[in-house]
Amino acid sequence: MSTIAPPADRTVSTTRIAVASFIGTAIEFYDFYIYGTAAALVLGKLFFPTFSALAGTLAAFATFGVGFVARPIGAVIFGHFGDRTGRKAMLVTSLLVMGTGTVAIGLLPTYGTVGIAAPVLLVLCRFLQGVGLGGEWGGAVLLATEYAPRGKRGLWSSFPQMGPAIGFIVAGGSFLLLGRVMDDAAFESWGWRIPFLASAALVVVGYYIRMRIAETPVFREAMDRNERTKAPIVDVVRRQGATLALSTCAFILAHTLFYTITTFALSYGTTVLDLDKDMLLLCAMAAALVLGLATPVLAVLSDRIGRRTVCLSAGILAALWAYPMFALINTGEPLLIGLAMAVGMLAFAALYGPMGAFLPEMFATRYRYTGASVAYNASGIVGGGVTPVLATQLVASTDSSVPVSGYIVVIALISAVCVWFLKETHTTDLGYDPVAAPDQGQG
């Protein structure tokens, strides 16, 4: 077992690390979510106007899915350089890449102006967003976990894990505010662009904060021992391929739950149930607040009782809640819809809270950025990219939400089985090699 002594600068301000890891994920997930919200509410009409309402929504969700396909590519690219040159530079670069793609969407001409070029450009911008986010999450959680004291990695990793909740609340709030201050015609004409363009100011703030942090001590220690690898993705597949596959499948449920609640449910509620979009946004934002509050609690709990136990509870809760969740949404009652989404987010938090520490702990330092990032982002292809499209098609073909609930149950069971076969990691030292010292992974 490694007995690496903490260097002096591991005592760097907790506040600085918390803010630096949190701010980027909040901004980047804000960028990612405003697209999902816009796709559910308006992009189908503007970029695919020759399609039927259903086909336009499906096309908008398909471009939404492009971002998830791009995320593993970003994970490999940023992971490669993050494992070879350092975490800090990639955190700054991923923020700039994501911000560029987001602002560009806000400037795009629509189909009515440039024809087929509009959706093509939309797809390219969405791809750029995905590449940026693919590098963001891994770098942010590594910044937190590689500075964290042993025994508190769950707590420290919860800083970036709270970013998505805040990002979604701000994203939803921006669309809610726009809906209050302008009519539908103005919103569809130009109002929807404002949240995308506002990202520029947020990126400047995040850039300033991240430029003020130092490289993580765990990475510097690994470089001092000359543990750099030439091809991190090759190494992680060759040395820990089974762990990579299991962890990827284990966390599909996290993306499935989140994007079912925050993206598909908005489209389903407005187009199928004919519910008010502002009411649905408020319900989703309230559920995201539950997520933000529950994430650090469940992350700290995983420090005490283990990552696997908390993550397994997520699969069980998701499977049990899948059918009641849509039964409550189908009532059209705001309080019941809010309850449905909140419990769904609680299940998500039970998986997502521990994940910020769990995934990095599974992989050796020299390819940790790559391994954690690829597992997280590859799971998003099915959970986030496919789910809204598939769920929309299931409802359209069956005129019922029951198949969507069944789909969630299947994903929950797959997740639980994969988590069961992963090793417990909450007592490991981040300087260890999980292949050379496999027994250290047992808590």
Protein backbone atom coordinates (compact mmCIF):
# COMPACT_ATOMS: atom_id res chain seq x y z
CA MET A 1 0.00 0.00 0.00
CA SER A 2 1.25 3.46 -0.85
CA THR A 3 2.16 5.70 2.08
CA ILE A 4 2.54 8.99 0.27
CA ALA A 5 2.94 11.87 2.69
CA PRO A 6 0.78 14.87 1.95
CA PRO A 7 2.82 17.76 0.62
CA ALA A 8 2.56 21.16 2.27
CA ASP A 9 0.40 22.67 -0.43
CA ARG A 10 -2.26 20.01 0.03
CA THR A 11 -3.44 22.38 2.78
CA VAL A 12 -4.46 24.90 0.11
CA SER A 13 -7.65 26.77 0.97
CA THR A 14 -10.66 24.46 0.87
CA THR A 15 -12.71 27.41 -0.28
CA ARG A 16 -10.47 28.04 -3.29
CA ILE A 17 -10.61 24.39 -4.41
CA ALA A 18 -14.36 24.21 -3.77
CA VAL A 19 -15.04 27.33 -5.84
CA ALA A 20 -12.66 26.39 -8.66
CA SER A 21 -14.09 22.88 -9.04
CA PHE A 22 -17.69 24.01 -8.58
CA ILE A 23 -17.72 27.09 -10.81
CA GLY A 24 -16.65 25.29 -13.97
CA THR A 25 -19.14 22.44 -13.68
CA ALA A 26 -21.92 24.90 -12.85
CA ILE A 27 -21.11 27.02 -15.92
CA GLU A 28 -20.57 24.11 -18.26
CA PHE A 29 -23.68 22.25 -17.20
CA TYR A 30 -25.62 25.50 -17.47
CA ASP A 31 -24.38 25.65 -21.06
CA PHE A 32 -25.35 22.04 -21.67
CA TYR A 33 -28.78 22.33 -20.05
CA ILE A 34 -29.92 25.50 -21.78
CA TYR A 35 -29.63 23.52 -24.98
CA GLY A 36 -31.75 20.70 -23.58
CA THR A 37 -34.40 23.16 -22.38
CA ALA A 38 -34.36 25.03 -25.68
CA ALA A 39 -34.60 21.73 -27.58
CA ALA A 40 -37.70 20.80 -25.61
CA LEU A 41 -39.35 24.20 -26.04
CA VAL A 42 -38.35 25.93 -29.28
CA LEU A 43 -35.46 24.58 -31.39
CA GLY A 44 -37.58 22.09 -33.33
CA LYS A 45 -39.71 24.90 -34.72
CA LEU A 46 -36.77 27.14 -35.62
CA PHE A 47 -34.29 24.69 -37.07
CA PHE A 48 -36.56 21.91 -38.38
CA PRO A 49 -39.73 23.79 -39.46
CA THR A 50 -40.49 21.47 -42.40
CA PHE A 51 -40.95 18.55 -39.98
CA SER A 52 -44.14 17.72 -38.12
CA ALA A 53 -44.28 18.80 -34.47
CA LEU A 54 -43.26 15.30 -33.33
CA ALA A 55 -40.52 14.93 -35.95
CA GLY A 56 -39.19 18.39 -35.14
CA THR A 57 -38.97 17.55 -31.45
CA LEU A 58 -37.24 14.26 -32.25
CA ALA A 59 -34.78 16.08 -34.53
CA ALA A 60 -34.05 18.66 -31.82
CA PHE A 61 -33.46 15.87 -29.31
CA ALA A 62 -31.24 14.10 -31.85
CA THR A 63 -29.01 17.18 -32.03
CA PHE A 64 -29.15 17.18 -28.22
CA GLY A 65 -27.79 13.63 -28.41
CA VAL A 66 -24.88 14.75 -30.61
CA GLY A 67 -23.41 16.43 -27.55
CA PHE A 68 -23.38 13.11 -25.72
CA VAL A 69 -21.65 11.36 -28.61
CA ALA A 70 -19.01 14.11 -28.57
CA ARG A 71 -18.43 13.89 -24.82
CA PRO A 72 -16.39 10.64 -24.84
CA ILE A 73 -14.28 12.14 -27.64
CA GLY A 74 -13.64 15.15 -25.44
CA ALA A 75 -12.92 12.81 -22.53
CA VAL A 76 -10.21 11.01 -24.54
CA ILE A 77 -8.66 14.25 -25.85
CA PHE A 78 -8.66 16.17 -22.58
CA GLY A 79 -7.89 13.02 -20.60
CA HIS A 80 -4.80 12.38 -22.75
CA PHE A 81 -3.31 15.80 -22.11
CA GLY A 82 -4.65 15.99 -18.57
CA ASP A 83 -2.86 12.76 -17.69
CA ARG A 84 0.34 13.81 -19.48
CA THR A 85 0.65 17.54 -18.83
CA GLY A 86 -1.63 18.31 -15.89
CA ARG A 87 -5.18 18.89 -14.71
CA LYS A 88 -5.20 22.70 -14.52
CA ALA A 89 -4.52 23.50 -18.18
CA MET A 90 -7.26 21.15 -19.35
CA LEU A 91 -9.76 22.64 -16.90
CA VAL A 92 -9.19 26.08 -18.39
CA THR A 93 -9.25 24.83 -21.98
CA SER A 94 -12.44 22.77 -21.57
CA LEU A 95 -14.20 25.83 -20.16
CA LEU A 96 -13.22 27.92 -23.19
CA VAL A 97 -14.22 25.22 -25.69
CA MET A 98 -17.62 24.76 -24.08
CA GLY A 99 -18.21 28.49 -23.87
CA THR A 100 -17.33 29.00 -27.53
CA GLY A 101 -19.85 26.38 -28.65
CA THR A 102 -22.58 27.83 -26.44
CA VAL A 103 -22.18 31.45 -27.49
CA ALA A 104 -22.03 30.35 -31.14
CA ILE A 105 -25.46 28.70 -30.79
CA GLY A 106 -26.83 32.01 -29.58
CA LEU A 107 -25.58 33.66 -32.77
CA LEU A 108 -26.78 31.04 -35.26
CA PRO A 109 -29.19 31.93 -38.09
CA THR A 110 -32.32 29.77 -38.17
CA TYR A 111 -33.72 27.62 -40.98
CA GLY A 112 -35.86 30.48 -42.22
CA THR A 113 -32.71 32.54 -42.88
CA VAL A 114 -30.12 30.12 -44.27
CA GLY A 115 -32.05 26.90 -44.89
CA ILE A 116 -30.37 23.54 -44.35
CA ALA A 117 -27.13 25.20 -43.22
CA ALA A 118 -28.87 26.18 -39.95
CA PRO A 119 -29.34 22.66 -38.52
CA VAL A 120 -25.89 21.66 -39.80
CA LEU A 121 -24.29 24.55 -37.91
CA LEU A 122 -26.41 23.70 -34.88
CA VAL A 123 -25.07 20.16 -34.87
CA LEU A 124 -21.47 21.42 -35.16
CA CYS A 125 -21.91 23.80 -32.23
CA ARG A 126 -23.56 21.09 -30.18
CA PHE A 127 -20.64 18.79 -30.96
CA LEU A 128 -18.22 21.46 -29.71
CA GLN A 129 -20.25 21.78 -26.52
CA GLY A 130 -20.00 18.03 -25.99
CA VAL A 131 -16.23 17.95 -26.52
CA GLY A 132 -15.78 20.71 -23.94
CA LEU A 133 -18.00 19.07 -21.35
CA GLY A 134 -16.27 15.75 -21.99
CA GLY A 135 -13.09 17.23 -20.59
CA GLU A 136 -14.70 19.32 -17.86
CA TRP A 137 -16.19 16.80 -15.47
CA GLY A 138 -13.11 14.60 -15.08
CA GLY A 139 -10.80 17.54 -14.50
CA ALA A 140 -13.14 19.15 -11.96
CA VAL A 141 -13.60 16.03 -9.83
CA LEU A 142 -9.88 15.25 -10.00
CA LEU A 143 -9.09 18.76 -8.80
CA ALA A 144 -11.30 18.11 -5.77
CA THR A 145 -10.40 14.49 -5.02
CA GLU A 146 -6.64 14.83 -5.58
CA TYR A 147 -6.53 17.70 -3.06
CA ALA A 148 -8.87 16.00 -0.58
CA PRO A 149 -7.67 14.45 2.69
CA ARG A 150 -8.11 10.69 2.82
CA GLY A 151 -11.49 9.83 4.31
CA LYS A 152 -13.07 13.06 3.02
CA ARG A 153 -12.90 12.57 -0.74
CA GLY A 154 -16.66 12.13 -0.96
CA LEU A 155 -17.16 15.49 0.75
CA TRP A 156 -14.61 17.30 -1.41
CA SER A 157 -15.83 15.68 -4.61
CA SER A 158 -19.34 16.92 -3.86
CA PHE A 159 -18.21 20.47 -4.69
CA PRO A 160 -18.14 19.92 -8.47
CA GLN A 161 -21.04 17.48 -8.18
CA MET A 162 -23.29 20.31 -6.99
CA GLY A 163 -22.51 22.24 -10.18
CA PRO A 164 -25.11 20.46 -12.34
CA ALA A 165 -27.94 21.26 -9.92
CA ILE A 166 -27.03 24.95 -9.81
CA GLY A 167 -26.42 25.00 -13.56
CA PHE A 168 -29.86 23.58 -14.23
CA ILE A 169 -31.59 25.94 -11.80
CA VAL A 170 -29.94 28.96 -13.41
CA ALA A 171 -30.67 27.62 -16.91
CA GLY A 172 -34.30 26.89 -16.08
CA GLY A 173 -34.63 30.20 -14.27
CA SER A 174 -33.35 32.11 -17.28
CA PHE A 175 -35.99 30.54 -19.55
CA LEU A 176 -38.66 31.05 -16.90
CA LEU A 177 -37.77 34.73 -16.58
CA LEU A 178 -37.80 35.21 -20.34
CA GLY A 179 -41.22 33.61 -20.50
CA ARG A 180 -42.47 36.15 -17.97
CA VAL A 181 -41.08 39.30 -19.61
CA MET A 182 -41.79 38.58 -23.27
CA ASP A 183 -44.53 37.00 -25.33
CA ASP A 184 -44.15 33.73 -27.23
CA ALA A 185 -43.48 35.46 -30.54
CA ALA A 186 -40.58 37.50 -29.14
CA PHE A 187 -39.17 34.46 -27.32
CA GLU A 188 -39.20 32.35 -30.47
CA SER A 189 -37.80 35.21 -32.55
CA TRP A 190 -34.81 36.21 -30.41
CA GLY A 191 -35.43 35.71 -26.69
CA TRP A 192 -34.23 32.11 -26.66
CA ARG A 193 -30.74 33.36 -27.66
CA ILE A 194 -30.17 35.34 -24.46
CA PRO A 195 -29.23 32.39 -22.17
CA PHE A 196 -26.68 31.20 -24.75
CA LEU A 197 -25.07 34.63 -25.15
CA ALA A 198 -25.02 35.20 -21.38
CA SER A 199 -22.65 32.25 -21.08
CA ALA A 200 -19.80 34.51 -22.27
CA ALA A 201 -19.85 36.47 -19.01
CA LEU A 202 -19.96 33.30 -16.92
CA VAL A 203 -16.98 31.83 -18.77
CA VAL A 204 -14.90 34.95 -18.05
CA VAL A 205 -15.59 34.54 -14.33
CA GLY A 206 -14.74 30.82 -14.40
CA TYR A 207 -11.55 31.46 -16.37
CA TYR A 208 -10.32 33.99 -13.83
CA ILE A 209 -10.97 31.67 -10.89
CA ARG A 210 -9.36 28.62 -12.46
CA MET A 211 -6.22 30.47 -13.50
CA ARG A 212 -5.53 31.11 -9.81
CA ILE A 213 -5.25 27.46 -8.74
CA ALA A 214 -2.17 25.24 -8.73
CA GLU A 215 -1.68 21.74 -10.14
CA THR A 216 -2.96 18.95 -7.87
CA PRO A 217 -0.40 17.44 -5.47
CA VAL A 218 -1.26 13.84 -6.37
CA PHE A 219 -0.51 14.50 -10.04
CA ARG A 220 2.77 16.25 -9.25
CA GLU A 221 3.81 13.34 -7.04
CA ALA A 222 3.09 10.92 -9.88
CA MET A 223 5.15 13.02 -12.29
CA ASP A 224 8.02 13.16 -9.77
CA ARG A 225 7.99 9.35 -9.83
CA ASN A 226 8.00 9.47 -13.65
CA GLU A 227 4.62 7.72 -13.96
CA ARG A 228 3.57 9.50 -17.15
CA THR A 229 2.04 7.23 -19.81
CA LYS A 230 2.36 7.80 -23.57
CA ALA A 231 -1.20 6.74 -24.42
CA PRO A 232 -3.56 6.94 -21.40
CA ILE A 233 -6.59 5.55 -23.25
CA VAL A 234 -4.62 2.52 -24.42
CA ASP A 235 -3.27 1.94 -20.93
CA VAL A 236 -6.64 2.17 -19.21
CA VAL A 237 -8.29 -0.20 -21.69
CA ARG A 238 -5.42 -2.69 -21.49
CA ARG A 239 -4.93 -2.61 -17.73
CA GLN A 240 -8.43 -1.86 -16.41
CA GLY A 241 -10.78 -2.59 -19.29
CA ALA A 242 -13.24 -4.53 -17.14
CA THR A 243 -13.42 -1.73 -14.57
CA LEU A 244 -13.96 0.80 -17.36
CA ALA A 245 -16.82 -1.25 -18.84
CA LEU A 246 -18.52 -1.90 -15.48
CA SER A 247 -18.25 1.70 -14.32
CA THR A 248 -19.59 2.98 -17.64
CA CYS A 249 -22.66 0.74 -17.47
CA ALA A 250 -23.14 1.44 -13.76
CA PHE A 251 -23.62 5.15 -14.31
CA ILE A 252 -25.95 5.05 -17.32
CA LEU A 253 -28.77 5.29 -14.79
CA ALA A 254 -27.56 8.69 -13.55
CA HIS A 255 -27.89 10.25 -16.99
CA THR A 256 -31.15 8.40 -17.67
CA LEU A 257 -32.82 9.78 -14.55
CA PHE A 258 -31.58 13.32 -14.95
CA TYR A 259 -32.46 13.78 -18.59
CA THR A 260 -35.79 11.97 -18.26
CA ILE A 261 -36.78 14.49 -15.59
CA THR A 262 -35.18 17.68 -16.93
CA THR A 263 -35.51 17.23 -20.69
CA PHE A 264 -38.00 14.54 -21.73
CA ALA A 265 -40.55 15.41 -19.05
CA LEU A 266 -40.64 19.04 -20.24
CA SER A 267 -41.37 17.97 -23.80
CA TYR A 268 -43.82 15.26 -22.71
CA GLY A 269 -45.65 17.61 -20.39
CA THR A 270 -46.03 20.42 -22.93
CA THR A 271 -46.74 18.41 -26.08
CA VAL A 272 -48.61 15.33 -24.81
CA LEU A 273 -50.24 16.50 -21.57
CA ASP A 274 -50.64 20.12 -22.75
CA LEU A 275 -49.32 21.47 -19.46
CA ASP A 276 -47.91 24.95 -18.87
CA LYS A 277 -44.18 25.04 -19.62
CA ASP A 278 -43.46 27.53 -16.82
CA MET A 279 -45.11 25.26 -14.27
CA LEU A 280 -43.05 22.30 -15.50
CA LEU A 281 -39.85 24.34 -15.38
CA LEU A 282 -40.61 25.36 -11.79
CA CYS A 283 -41.21 21.72 -10.83
CA ALA A 284 -37.94 20.66 -12.48
CA MET A 285 -36.06 23.51 -10.77
CA ALA A 286 -37.49 22.51 -7.38
CA ALA A 287 -36.36 18.94 -8.03
CA ALA A 288 -32.90 20.22 -8.98
CA LEU A 289 -32.77 22.04 -5.64
CA VAL A 290 -33.45 18.72 -3.91
CA LEU A 291 -30.57 17.30 -5.94
CA GLY A 292 -28.25 20.12 -4.87
CA LEU A 293 -29.07 19.61 -1.20
CA ALA A 294 -28.93 15.81 -1.28
CA THR A 295 -25.68 15.47 -3.25
CA PRO A 296 -23.22 16.51 -0.50
CA VAL A 297 -25.16 14.57 2.14
CA LEU A 298 -25.03 11.34 0.14
CA ALA A 299 -21.41 11.96 -0.86
CA VAL A 300 -20.42 12.29 2.81
CA LEU A 301 -22.46 9.20 3.63
CA SER A 302 -20.40 7.30 1.06
CA ASP A 303 -17.26 8.34 2.98
CA ARG A 304 -18.71 6.60 6.02
CA ILE A 305 -20.42 3.46 4.71
CA GLY A 306 -18.83 3.05 1.27
CA ARG A 307 -19.54 4.13 -2.30
CA ARG A 308 -21.12 0.84 -3.43
CA THR A 309 -23.79 0.78 -0.72
CA VAL A 310 -25.06 4.27 -1.53
CA CYS A 311 -24.92 3.67 -5.30
CA LEU A 312 -26.83 0.40 -4.96
CA SER A 313 -29.58 2.22 -3.09
CA ALA A 314 -29.93 4.51 -6.12
CA GLY A 315 -30.69 1.59 -8.43
CA ILE A 316 -33.25 0.16 -6.03
CA LEU A 317 -35.03 3.49 -5.51
CA ALA A 318 -35.07 4.25 -9.24
CA ALA A 319 -36.60 0.86 -10.07
CA LEU A 320 -39.27 1.26 -7.39
CA TRP A 321 -40.12 4.85 -8.35
CA ALA A 322 -40.18 4.54 -12.16
CA TYR A 323 -43.90 3.77 -12.46
CA PRO A 324 -45.19 6.02 -9.63
CA MET A 325 -43.13 8.91 -11.05
CA PHE A 326 -44.99 9.00 -14.36
CA ALA A 327 -48.31 8.22 -12.70
CA LEU A 328 -47.88 11.41 -10.68
CA ILE A 329 -46.71 13.44 -13.69
CA ASN A 330 -49.76 12.28 -15.64
CA THR A 331 -52.09 13.82 -13.04
CA GLY A 332 -51.08 17.28 -14.23
CA GLU A 333 -51.10 18.53 -10.62
CA PRO A 334 -48.08 20.78 -9.90
CA LEU A 335 -47.43 19.48 -6.38
CA LEU A 336 -47.60 15.85 -7.49
CA ILE A 337 -45.38 16.55 -10.52
CA GLY A 338 -42.89 18.27 -8.22
CA LEU A 339 -42.94 15.26 -5.88
CA ALA A 340 -42.45 12.86 -8.79
CA MET A 341 -39.43 14.78 -10.04
CA ALA A 342 -37.94 15.37 -6.57
CA VAL A 343 -37.89 11.69 -5.62
CA GLY A 344 -36.46 10.87 -9.04
CA MET A 345 -33.70 13.42 -8.41
CA LEU A 346 -33.08 11.90 -4.99
CA ALA A 347 -32.41 8.55 -6.67
CA PHE A 348 -30.11 10.33 -9.09
CA ALA A 349 -28.26 12.03 -6.21
CA ALA A 350 -27.66 8.67 -4.50
CA LEU A 351 -25.69 7.62 -7.57
CA TYR A 352 -24.27 10.98 -8.59
CA GLY A 353 -23.15 12.12 -5.12
CA PRO A 354 -20.64 9.29 -4.51
CA MET A 355 -19.63 9.13 -8.19
CA GLY A 356 -17.34 12.16 -8.01
CA ALA A 357 -15.02 10.22 -5.71
CA PHE A 358 -15.92 6.68 -6.79
CA LEU A 359 -14.85 6.95 -10.44
CA PRO A 360 -11.45 8.63 -9.83
CA GLU A 361 -10.67 6.13 -7.07
CA MET A 362 -11.02 3.23 -9.49
CA PHE A 363 -8.13 4.26 -11.76
CA ALA A 364 -4.37 4.73 -11.39
CA THR A 365 -3.07 8.32 -11.31
CA ARG A 366 -1.26 8.14 -14.65
CA TYR A 367 -4.53 7.55 -16.54
CA ARG A 368 -7.10 8.62 -13.95
CA TYR A 369 -8.32 11.66 -15.91
CA THR A 370 -8.91 9.48 -18.97
CA GLY A 371 -10.48 6.54 -17.15
CA ALA A 372 -12.89 8.56 -15.01
CA SER A 373 -13.83 10.90 -17.87
CA VAL A 374 -14.45 8.18 -20.44
CA ALA A 375 -16.58 6.10 -18.04
CA TYR A 376 -18.69 9.10 -17.06
CA ASN A 377 -19.16 10.50 -20.54
CA ALA A 378 -19.61 7.19 -22.38
CA SER A 379 -22.44 6.34 -19.99
CA GLY A 380 -24.08 9.59 -21.09
CA ILE A 381 -24.48 8.41 -24.70
CA VAL A 382 -27.23 5.99 -23.68
CA GLY A 383 -28.47 7.69 -20.53
CA GLY A 384 -28.57 11.25 -21.85
CA GLY A 385 -28.32 11.08 -25.62
CA VAL A 386 -30.61 8.16 -26.39
CA THR A 387 -33.12 8.43 -23.55
CA PRO A 388 -35.04 11.60 -24.59
CA VAL A 389 -35.27 10.39 -28.21
CA LEU A 390 -36.29 6.85 -27.26
CA ALA A 391 -38.76 8.01 -24.62
CA THR A 392 -40.40 10.41 -27.08
CA GLN A 393 -40.72 7.65 -29.65
CA LEU A 394 -42.10 5.16 -27.09
CA VAL A 395 -44.82 7.58 -26.04
CA ALA A 396 -45.67 8.43 -29.65
CA SER A 397 -45.96 4.77 -30.68
CA THR A 398 -47.88 3.52 -27.61
CA ASP A 399 -49.73 6.67 -26.49
CA SER A 400 -48.59 5.82 -22.97
CA SER A 401 -45.77 6.61 -20.55
CA VAL A 402 -45.71 3.03 -19.23
CA PRO A 403 -42.95 1.86 -21.61
CA VAL A 404 -40.76 4.76 -20.48
CA SER A 405 -41.12 3.61 -16.88
CA GLY A 406 -40.22 0.07 -17.94
CA TYR A 407 -37.13 1.39 -19.70
CA ILE A 408 -36.01 3.14 -16.49
CA VAL A 409 -36.49 -0.08 -14.50
CA VAL A 410 -34.28 -2.02 -16.94
CA ILE A 411 -31.54 0.63 -16.76
CA ALA A 412 -31.77 0.69 -12.95
CA LEU A 413 -31.30 -3.08 -12.73
CA ILE A 414 -28.32 -2.98 -15.10
CA SER A 415 -26.78 -0.22 -13.01
CA ALA A 416 -27.27 -2.09 -9.75
CA VAL A 417 -25.71 -5.29 -11.11
CA CYS A 418 -22.66 -3.41 -12.43
CA VAL A 419 -22.18 -1.52 -9.15
CA TRP A 420 -22.34 -4.83 -7.31
CA PHE A 421 -19.35 -6.12 -9.27
CA LEU A 422 -17.24 -3.00 -8.71
CA LYS A 423 -14.77 -2.92 -5.83
CA GLU A 424 -15.26 -0.69 -2.83
CA THR A 425 -12.78 2.20 -2.96
CA HIS A 426 -13.54 4.70 -0.22
CA THR A 427 -10.56 3.63 1.94
CA THR A 428 -7.97 3.59 -0.86
CA ASP A 429 -4.99 5.90 -1.22
CA LEU A 430 -5.12 7.79 -4.52
CA GLY A 431 -1.42 7.09 -5.02
CA TYR A 432 -1.94 3.34 -5.33
CA ASP A 433 -2.03 1.25 -8.51
CA PRO A 434 -5.32 -0.72 -8.62
CA VAL A 435 -3.74 -3.35 -10.87
CA ALA A 436 -0.48 -3.83 -8.98
CA ALA A 437 -2.31 -3.74 -5.64
CA PRO A 438 -5.84 -4.98 -6.38
CA ASP A 439 -6.74 -5.87 -2.80
CA GLN A 440 -6.44 -2.24 -1.70
CA GLY A 441 -9.70 -1.51 -3.39
CA GLN A 442 -11.68 -3.31 -0.69
CA GLY A 443 -12.99 -1.06 2.07
